[in-house]
Amino acid sequence: MKKLTISADGSTLQSDLGDLAYVEEIKASDAQKITGRWNGHLYRMGGDNTKQVLQISIGQLEDSEKKIIYTELFEEGQDKKDEIIVF
């Protein structure tokens, strides 16, 4: 992906791969061991009747206030692919 844009009402995350719908708010948790605690929002493209699901979570780390983008790609018959970017 080269560009992400959140719609004015926050209901859609637009990417060069297509539009992702807002799913839920992410609340900081001690279970977030790899990144540390962070808050944000989860968007998803694909679902029950598709062979591919893309999830993108965008948020902010509690301690450092750095931004985080976490992408997960689920494809039928493939291992999950994920990437975390902190900036």
Protein backbone atom coordinates (compact mmCIF):
# COMPACT_ATOMS: atom_id res chain seq x y z
CA MET A 1 0.00 0.00 0.00
CA LYS A 2 1.19 3.45 -0.84
CA LYS A 3 -1.59 5.63 0.57
CA LEU A 4 -4.21 5.43 3.33
CA THR A 5 -7.01 7.95 3.83
CA ILE A 6 -9.63 7.90 6.58
CA SER A 7 -13.05 9.22 5.53
CA ALA A 8 -14.31 12.37 7.26
CA ASP A 9 -16.80 10.37 9.35
CA GLY A 10 -14.25 7.63 10.16
CA SER A 11 -16.37 4.84 8.69
CA THR A 12 -13.99 3.92 5.87
CA LEU A 13 -10.25 3.57 5.38
CA GLN A 14 -9.44 4.10 1.72
CA SER A 15 -6.36 2.42 0.27
CA ASP A 16 -4.94 1.66 -3.16
CA LEU A 17 -6.12 -1.94 -2.55
CA GLY A 18 -9.73 -0.85 -1.96
CA ASP A 19 -11.95 0.47 0.84
CA LEU A 20 -11.90 -1.06 4.31
CA ALA A 21 -14.91 -0.74 6.61
CA TYR A 22 -14.64 0.36 10.23
CA VAL A 23 -14.96 -2.61 12.60
CA GLU A 24 -14.17 -1.55 16.15
CA GLU A 25 -12.18 0.54 18.57
CA ILE A 26 -9.00 -0.97 20.00
CA LYS A 27 -8.40 -0.32 23.69
CA ALA A 28 -4.97 -0.58 25.28
CA SER A 29 -4.33 -3.96 26.88
CA ASP A 30 -1.53 -5.74 28.70
CA ALA A 31 -2.01 -8.52 26.09
CA GLN A 32 -0.36 -6.23 23.52
CA LYS A 33 3.06 -7.69 24.38
CA ILE A 34 4.97 -7.09 21.13
CA THR A 35 4.12 -3.41 20.71
CA GLY A 36 3.21 -2.35 24.23
CA ARG A 37 -0.15 -0.83 25.13
CA TRP A 38 -1.88 1.17 22.41
CA ASN A 39 -5.31 2.54 21.46
CA GLY A 40 -6.72 2.78 17.96
CA HIS A 41 -9.23 1.62 15.38
CA LEU A 42 -9.59 -1.55 13.28
CA TYR A 43 -10.71 -1.58 9.62
CA ARG A 44 -11.41 -4.67 7.47
CA MET A 45 -11.87 -5.59 3.80
CA GLY A 46 -13.25 -9.03 2.91
CA GLY A 47 -15.26 -11.42 5.00
CA ASP A 48 -17.21 -14.66 5.16
CA ASN A 49 -17.67 -15.15 1.40
CA THR A 50 -14.14 -14.17 0.34
CA LYS A 51 -10.85 -16.05 0.25
CA GLN A 52 -8.88 -13.03 1.41
CA VAL A 53 -9.31 -10.69 4.40
CA LEU A 54 -7.21 -7.58 4.96
CA GLN A 55 -7.26 -5.87 8.37
CA ILE A 56 -5.55 -2.58 9.12
CA SER A 57 -5.35 -1.17 12.63
CA ILE A 58 -4.24 2.42 13.20
CA GLY A 59 -3.48 3.91 16.58
CA GLN A 60 -1.12 5.44 19.10
CA LEU A 61 1.18 3.85 21.68
CA GLU A 62 0.33 4.89 25.23
CA ASP A 63 3.86 5.40 26.57
CA SER A 64 5.74 7.03 23.70
CA GLU A 65 2.71 8.49 21.85
CA LYS A 66 4.23 7.17 18.61
CA LYS A 67 1.81 6.16 15.86
CA ILE A 68 1.26 2.52 14.88
CA ILE A 69 -0.10 0.83 11.76
CA TYR A 70 -0.67 -2.92 12.01
CA THR A 71 -1.65 -4.82 8.86
CA GLU A 72 -2.84 -8.44 8.73
CA LEU A 73 -3.57 -10.40 5.55
CA PHE A 74 -5.45 -13.69 5.78
CA GLU A 75 -5.62 -15.79 2.60
CA GLU A 76 -7.27 -19.17 2.26
CA GLY A 77 -4.62 -21.90 2.33
CA GLN A 78 -1.81 -19.49 3.29
CA ASP A 79 -0.10 -18.48 6.52
CA LYS A 80 -1.21 -15.13 7.96
CA LYS A 81 1.00 -12.23 6.85
CA ASP A 82 1.38 -9.29 9.18
CA GLU A 83 3.46 -6.15 9.51
CA ILE A 84 3.80 -3.54 12.25
CA ILE A 85 5.03 -0.02 11.51
CA VAL A 86 5.77 2.37 14.39
CA PHE A 87 6.73 5.97 13.68
